[in-house]
Amino acid sequence: MIDLNKTLGIGSKKGRLFGIIVLLILAVILPLIFGMNLFLLTILVLMVIFIIYASSWNFLTYTGQGSLGHAAFFGLGGYVSALIATASGLSPFITIFIGGGAAALVGLFIGVICVRLKEWFLAMVTFGFAIIIQTLIVSQFASISGGWDGIAAPRLVSTTIPYYQLIEYYSIVLIAVLIILLFWIILRSKIGLAFAAIRENEMEARAAGIDPVRYRLFAFLVSAYFSGVAGALEIHNLGYITPEIFGVDISFWPIIYSISGGLGTLAGPIVGTIVITVLWDGLRMLGITYARFVIIGVLLVMIIIFLPKGLISLPENVREFIEKRRKSS
């Protein structure tokens, strides 16, 4: 029997509700506490965008898939949205979803060809694809992409509107909440149960009449689509895009966030993104630059060794430890 709450990584109903309320309250009040501190507001915006991105990447893992090149979808969503918004004058609030659609179409092409591959064979294909896309952007499509110099992109909210930064932030938070809610609905449905069955035992899933290829392709499309939306949100927040968006680091950040928080869980990418972002930018504010790579690396190794289920399992581990100490005393 599959325990769906464990699969989602969201614990008990009370714990789940409490965690959601706390995060939403923090998301609303933090910008108000710090005022119009543009540096902190920028960090908060990028953190929320990468929560969407990491959650989208993590969505693949529910069917036992992995990707090492999700920057391809992240960047494609950004480029397509920026180009369409600039050429047509459409609001970025519309073009971000068009950019996501373009990423999903490319994801469909890759998925149809490669979704039958096992785990990390698919991951290596996506890794190579991200490199190919970056090369094409700076060479064959340089006339429209701007090459390595990049191109400007309209802001998500016009800079002529008072408090546009806050409006952008709350808009992105709302989009993130809706996307994660959609993931929750999907994973609570029969589709989520099929995902879990495929991940746990593909042979038994086939015997039960579940088509792994179809469900894995669906997961791949959803993941690519919302990764593209996340990329478009980042570009329209920054107001500029370059081929660096296809970099290896952009592909690896969602992996780091998801593993740190809890791989294959709904809450994991959220927790991982928050913790790693706070640590990463906190160290930078303290003047620690190159050493923070070592610190994050050591932390990741420690989590993998001592908390293989991620940071979301820490409260449960602490509770079990306290109970064992009580029983032994």
Protein backbone atom coordinates (compact mmCIF):
# COMPACT_ATOMS: atom_id res chain seq x y z
CA MET A 1 0.00 0.00 0.00
CA ILE A 2 1.37 3.41 -1.00
CA ASP A 3 1.32 6.06 1.74
CA LEU A 4 0.52 9.19 -0.23
CA ASN A 5 1.38 11.58 2.60
CA LYS A 6 4.87 10.10 2.80
CA THR A 7 5.14 10.27 -0.96
CA LEU A 8 4.27 13.96 -0.89
CA GLY A 9 6.62 14.53 2.03
CA ILE A 10 4.19 16.74 3.88
CA GLY A 11 3.69 14.85 7.13
CA SER A 12 0.53 14.98 9.21
CA LYS A 13 -2.49 17.10 8.32
CA LYS A 14 -1.91 19.50 11.23
CA GLY A 15 1.80 19.78 10.48
CA ARG A 16 1.07 20.36 6.82
CA LEU A 17 -1.46 23.10 7.52
CA PHE A 18 0.81 24.79 10.07
CA GLY A 19 3.76 24.77 7.68
CA ILE A 20 1.71 26.22 4.82
CA ILE A 21 0.30 28.99 7.01
CA VAL A 22 3.75 29.94 8.36
CA LEU A 23 5.30 30.07 4.88
CA LEU A 24 2.46 32.14 3.44
CA ILE A 25 2.58 34.58 6.35
CA LEU A 26 6.35 34.95 5.96
CA ALA A 27 6.01 35.44 2.21
CA VAL A 28 3.52 38.25 2.78
CA ILE A 29 5.16 40.10 5.67
CA LEU A 30 8.90 39.83 4.95
CA PRO A 31 8.93 42.58 2.28
CA LEU A 32 6.89 44.77 4.64
CA ILE A 33 9.32 44.15 7.51
CA PHE A 34 12.39 45.06 5.46
CA GLY A 35 10.65 47.87 3.60
CA MET A 36 11.82 48.71 0.10
CA ASN A 37 15.24 47.10 0.53
CA LEU A 38 15.82 46.28 -3.14
CA PHE A 39 18.66 43.83 -2.45
CA LEU A 40 16.61 41.70 -0.05
CA LEU A 41 13.51 41.99 -2.24
CA THR A 42 15.52 40.76 -5.24
CA ILE A 43 16.73 37.76 -3.23
CA LEU A 44 13.16 36.96 -2.15
CA VAL A 45 11.88 37.19 -5.74
CA LEU A 46 14.62 34.92 -7.11
CA MET A 47 14.08 32.49 -4.22
CA VAL A 48 10.38 32.17 -5.06
CA ILE A 49 11.18 31.74 -8.77
CA PHE A 50 13.63 28.97 -7.98
CA ILE A 51 11.06 27.32 -5.73
CA ILE A 52 8.91 27.02 -8.87
CA TYR A 53 11.89 25.78 -10.88
CA ALA A 54 13.06 23.26 -8.27
CA SER A 55 9.50 21.99 -7.73
CA SER A 56 9.13 21.56 -11.51
CA TRP A 57 12.38 19.60 -11.74
CA ASN A 58 11.40 17.54 -8.72
CA PHE A 59 8.08 16.65 -10.38
CA LEU A 60 10.06 14.34 -12.67
CA THR A 61 11.33 12.28 -9.77
CA TYR A 62 7.84 11.06 -8.90
CA THR A 63 8.06 8.72 -11.89
CA GLY A 64 11.70 7.77 -11.26
CA GLN A 65 13.11 10.14 -13.90
CA GLY A 66 15.95 12.63 -13.58
CA SER A 67 17.36 15.51 -15.60
CA LEU A 68 20.79 17.12 -15.68
CA GLY A 69 19.87 19.69 -18.31
CA HIS A 70 16.69 21.41 -17.18
CA ALA A 71 18.33 24.76 -17.90
CA ALA A 72 17.33 24.08 -21.52
CA PHE A 73 13.65 24.47 -20.61
CA PHE A 74 14.33 27.26 -18.12
CA GLY A 75 16.20 29.26 -20.76
CA LEU A 76 13.86 28.51 -23.65
CA GLY A 77 10.91 29.77 -21.65
CA GLY A 78 12.84 32.96 -20.91
CA TYR A 79 13.95 33.59 -24.49
CA VAL A 80 10.59 32.86 -26.11
CA SER A 81 8.71 35.00 -23.60
CA ALA A 82 11.17 37.90 -23.96
CA LEU A 83 11.12 37.82 -27.77
CA ILE A 84 7.33 37.60 -28.03
CA ALA A 85 6.75 40.31 -25.41
CA THR A 86 9.21 42.64 -27.16
CA ALA A 87 7.90 42.00 -30.68
CA SER A 88 4.16 41.98 -29.96
CA GLY A 89 3.83 44.28 -26.99
CA LEU A 90 1.89 41.63 -25.09
CA SER A 91 2.05 41.73 -21.32
CA PRO A 92 4.73 39.45 -19.83
CA PHE A 93 1.95 38.03 -17.65
CA ILE A 94 0.70 36.44 -20.89
CA THR A 95 4.00 35.64 -22.58
CA ILE A 96 5.44 33.77 -19.58
CA PHE A 97 2.88 31.04 -20.21
CA ILE A 98 3.63 31.09 -23.95
CA GLY A 99 7.30 30.63 -23.06
CA GLY A 100 6.34 27.70 -20.88
CA GLY A 101 4.39 26.24 -23.79
CA ALA A 102 7.44 26.50 -26.04
CA ALA A 103 9.54 24.71 -23.42
CA ALA A 104 6.86 22.01 -23.17
CA LEU A 105 6.87 21.51 -26.96
CA VAL A 106 10.61 20.96 -26.91
CA GLY A 107 10.14 18.72 -23.89
CA LEU A 108 7.59 16.71 -25.89
CA PHE A 109 10.15 16.23 -28.66
CA ILE A 110 12.78 15.00 -26.21
CA GLY A 111 10.30 12.97 -24.20
CA VAL A 112 8.86 11.07 -27.17
CA ILE A 113 12.36 10.02 -28.17
CA CYS A 114 13.96 9.48 -24.78
CA VAL A 115 11.31 8.92 -22.09
CA ARG A 116 11.72 5.15 -22.43
CA LEU A 117 15.32 5.47 -21.29
CA LYS A 118 16.11 4.49 -17.72
CA GLU A 119 16.77 7.06 -15.00
CA TRP A 120 20.14 8.71 -15.60
CA PHE A 121 20.38 7.77 -19.29
CA LEU A 122 17.58 10.30 -19.77
CA ALA A 123 19.45 12.69 -17.47
CA MET A 124 22.54 12.58 -19.69
CA VAL A 125 20.43 13.20 -22.81
CA THR A 126 18.92 16.33 -21.25
CA PHE A 127 22.39 17.48 -20.16
CA GLY A 128 23.64 17.22 -23.73
CA PHE A 129 20.52 18.91 -25.05
CA ALA A 130 21.07 21.97 -22.82
CA ILE A 131 24.58 22.36 -24.26
CA ILE A 132 23.24 22.04 -27.81
CA ILE A 133 20.55 24.68 -27.19
CA GLN A 134 23.08 27.12 -25.74
CA THR A 135 25.38 26.60 -28.74
CA LEU A 136 22.55 27.23 -31.20
CA ILE A 137 21.43 30.36 -29.36
CA VAL A 138 24.89 31.96 -29.57
CA SER A 139 25.55 30.88 -33.16
CA GLN A 140 22.67 30.03 -35.48
CA PHE A 141 20.13 32.27 -33.72
CA ALA A 142 22.49 35.07 -32.70
CA SER A 143 20.65 37.57 -34.93
CA ILE A 144 17.53 37.36 -32.78
CA SER A 145 19.05 36.23 -29.46
CA GLY A 146 21.82 38.82 -29.36
CA GLY A 147 24.49 36.12 -29.07
CA TRP A 148 26.53 36.24 -25.87
CA ASP A 149 25.51 39.88 -25.36
CA GLY A 150 21.87 38.87 -24.87
CA ILE A 151 18.76 41.00 -25.28
CA ALA A 152 16.60 43.22 -23.13
CA ALA A 153 13.26 41.94 -21.87
CA PRO A 154 10.23 43.95 -20.70
CA ARG A 155 9.77 44.00 -16.95
CA LEU A 156 6.97 41.91 -15.53
CA VAL A 157 5.48 45.12 -14.11
CA SER A 158 6.31 48.45 -15.73
CA THR A 159 8.84 50.53 -13.81
CA THR A 160 6.53 53.54 -14.24
CA ILE A 161 4.04 51.98 -11.79
CA PRO A 162 4.61 52.96 -8.14
CA TYR A 163 6.00 50.15 -5.99
CA TYR A 164 6.41 47.94 -9.07
CA GLN A 165 8.97 45.78 -7.26
CA LEU A 166 6.46 44.82 -4.58
CA ILE A 167 3.77 44.17 -7.17
CA GLU A 168 6.17 41.88 -9.04
CA TYR A 169 7.06 40.04 -5.87
CA TYR A 170 3.48 39.38 -4.78
CA SER A 171 2.51 38.43 -8.35
CA ILE A 172 5.30 35.84 -8.48
CA VAL A 173 4.38 34.52 -5.02
CA LEU A 174 0.77 34.08 -6.18
CA ILE A 175 1.92 32.24 -9.33
CA ALA A 176 4.18 30.00 -7.21
CA VAL A 177 1.34 29.16 -4.82
CA LEU A 178 -0.99 28.27 -7.71
CA ILE A 179 1.65 26.07 -9.40
CA ILE A 180 2.48 24.18 -6.20
CA LEU A 181 -1.24 23.78 -5.50
CA LEU A 182 -1.62 22.29 -8.99
CA PHE A 183 1.24 19.84 -8.28
CA TRP A 184 -0.48 18.90 -5.01
CA ILE A 185 -3.78 18.25 -6.80
CA ILE A 186 -2.09 16.12 -9.46
CA LEU A 187 -0.15 14.10 -6.90
CA ARG A 188 -3.26 13.53 -4.78
CA SER A 189 -5.14 12.20 -7.81
CA LYS A 190 -5.00 8.84 -9.58
CA ILE A 191 -2.14 10.25 -11.63
CA GLY A 192 -0.08 10.65 -8.46
CA LEU A 193 -0.82 7.07 -7.45
CA ALA A 194 0.25 5.90 -10.92
CA PHE A 195 3.48 7.91 -10.57
CA ALA A 196 4.22 6.23 -7.23
CA ALA A 197 3.46 2.77 -8.63
CA ILE A 198 5.81 3.32 -11.59
CA ARG A 199 8.58 4.62 -9.36
CA GLU A 200 8.29 1.80 -6.82
CA ASN A 201 7.95 -1.14 -9.23
CA GLU A 202 7.53 -0.60 -12.97
CA MET A 203 6.81 -4.27 -13.70
CA GLU A 204 3.95 -4.41 -11.19
CA ALA A 205 2.63 -1.10 -12.51
CA ARG A 206 2.49 -2.54 -16.03
CA ALA A 207 0.73 -5.64 -14.70
CA ALA A 208 -1.87 -3.36 -13.10
CA GLY A 209 -2.58 -1.75 -16.47
CA ILE A 210 -0.53 1.42 -15.96
CA ASP A 211 1.43 2.62 -19.01
CA PRO A 212 4.77 3.96 -17.64
CA VAL A 213 5.69 5.67 -20.93
CA ARG A 214 2.50 7.73 -21.04
CA TYR A 215 2.76 8.84 -17.42
CA ARG A 216 6.47 9.60 -17.64
CA LEU A 217 5.87 11.67 -20.76
CA PHE A 218 3.13 13.59 -18.94
CA ALA A 219 5.47 14.25 -16.00
CA PHE A 220 8.19 15.39 -18.39
CA LEU A 221 5.83 17.82 -20.17
CA VAL A 222 4.54 19.31 -16.92
CA SER A 223 8.08 19.66 -15.60
CA ALA A 224 9.34 21.31 -18.80
CA TYR A 225 6.35 23.65 -18.99
CA PHE A 226 6.66 25.10 -15.50
CA SER A 227 10.46 25.23 -15.74
CA GLY A 228 9.90 27.43 -18.80
CA VAL A 229 7.46 29.59 -16.84
CA ALA A 230 10.04 29.95 -14.05
CA GLY A 231 12.72 30.97 -16.57
CA ALA A 232 10.40 33.56 -18.11
CA LEU A 233 9.57 34.98 -14.68
CA GLU A 234 13.25 35.39 -13.87
CA ILE A 235 14.01 37.12 -17.16
CA HIS A 236 11.12 39.56 -16.90
CA ASN A 237 12.11 40.30 -13.32
CA LEU A 238 15.73 41.01 -14.27
CA GLY A 239 14.85 42.76 -17.55
CA TYR A 240 17.62 41.04 -19.49
CA ILE A 241 18.57 37.60 -20.80
CA THR A 242 21.85 36.07 -22.01
CA PRO A 243 22.85 32.51 -23.03
CA GLU A 244 24.33 32.08 -19.55
CA ILE A 245 20.82 31.04 -18.55
CA PHE A 246 21.61 27.66 -20.15
CA GLY A 247 24.69 27.19 -17.95
CA VAL A 248 25.46 23.98 -16.08
CA ASP A 249 24.96 25.76 -12.75
CA ILE A 250 21.38 26.62 -13.70
CA SER A 251 20.73 22.92 -14.35
CA PHE A 252 22.28 21.85 -11.05
CA TRP A 253 20.66 24.33 -8.65
CA PRO A 254 17.21 22.67 -8.70
CA ILE A 255 18.91 19.31 -8.08
CA ILE A 256 20.77 20.73 -5.07
CA TYR A 257 17.61 22.35 -3.71
CA SER A 258 15.52 19.19 -4.14
CA ILE A 259 18.09 16.81 -2.65
CA SER A 260 18.75 19.17 0.27
CA GLY A 261 15.08 19.56 1.10
CA GLY A 262 13.86 16.08 0.27
CA LEU A 263 13.96 14.42 -3.12
CA GLY A 264 10.64 13.22 -4.48
CA THR A 265 8.52 15.17 -2.00
CA LEU A 266 6.31 18.20 -2.46
CA ALA A 267 7.76 20.14 0.48
CA GLY A 268 11.40 19.22 -0.20
CA PRO A 269 12.22 21.70 -3.00
CA ILE A 270 10.53 24.51 -1.09
CA VAL A 271 12.48 23.88 2.12
CA GLY A 272 15.72 23.20 0.26
CA THR A 273 15.47 26.37 -1.83
CA ILE A 274 14.76 28.53 1.22
CA VAL A 275 17.55 27.07 3.37
CA ILE A 276 20.23 27.03 0.65
CA THR A 277 19.31 30.51 -0.62
CA VAL A 278 19.40 32.02 2.88
CA LEU A 279 22.76 30.36 3.55
CA TRP A 280 24.22 31.21 0.12
CA ASP A 281 23.27 34.90 0.15
CA GLY A 282 23.83 35.22 3.89
CA LEU A 283 27.44 34.12 3.44
CA ARG A 284 27.85 36.58 0.58
CA MET A 285 26.55 39.41 2.78
CA LEU A 286 29.20 38.43 5.34
CA GLY A 287 31.89 38.79 2.66
CA ILE A 288 32.39 35.04 2.18
CA THR A 289 32.53 34.38 -1.56
CA TYR A 290 34.52 31.38 -2.78
CA ALA A 291 34.43 29.61 0.60
CA ARG A 292 30.63 29.41 0.38
CA PHE A 293 30.98 26.86 -2.44
CA VAL A 294 32.87 24.63 -0.01
CA ILE A 295 30.35 25.24 2.77
CA ILE A 296 27.37 24.40 0.55
CA GLY A 297 29.19 21.33 -0.77
CA VAL A 298 29.96 20.06 2.73
CA LEU A 299 26.36 20.71 3.80
CA LEU A 300 25.04 18.76 0.83
CA VAL A 301 27.33 15.81 1.62
CA MET A 302 26.25 15.86 5.28
CA ILE A 303 22.58 15.90 4.30
CA ILE A 304 23.03 12.97 1.90
CA ILE A 305 24.87 10.92 4.56
CA PHE A 306 22.89 11.76 7.70
CA LEU A 307 19.54 12.93 6.27
CA PRO A 308 19.03 10.93 3.08
CA LYS A 309 15.36 11.96 3.04
CA GLY A 310 16.35 15.62 3.16
CA LEU A 311 15.87 18.46 5.63
CA ILE A 312 12.13 17.82 5.83
CA SER A 313 12.90 14.61 7.72
CA LEU A 314 14.88 16.48 10.40
CA PRO A 315 11.94 17.12 12.79
CA GLU A 316 10.92 13.45 12.62
CA ASN A 317 14.51 12.31 13.23
CA VAL A 318 14.85 14.65 16.21
CA ARG A 319 11.55 13.38 17.64
CA GLU A 320 12.66 9.76 17.24
CA PHE A 321 16.01 10.56 18.87
CA ILE A 322 14.30 12.20 21.88
CA GLU A 323 11.93 9.24 22.26
CA LYS A 324 14.85 6.78 22.20
CA ARG A 325 16.68 8.81 24.85
CA ARG A 326 13.57 8.78 27.04
CA LYS A 327 13.14 5.04 26.70
CA SER A 328 16.81 4.35 27.43
CA SER A 329 16.88 6.61 30.49
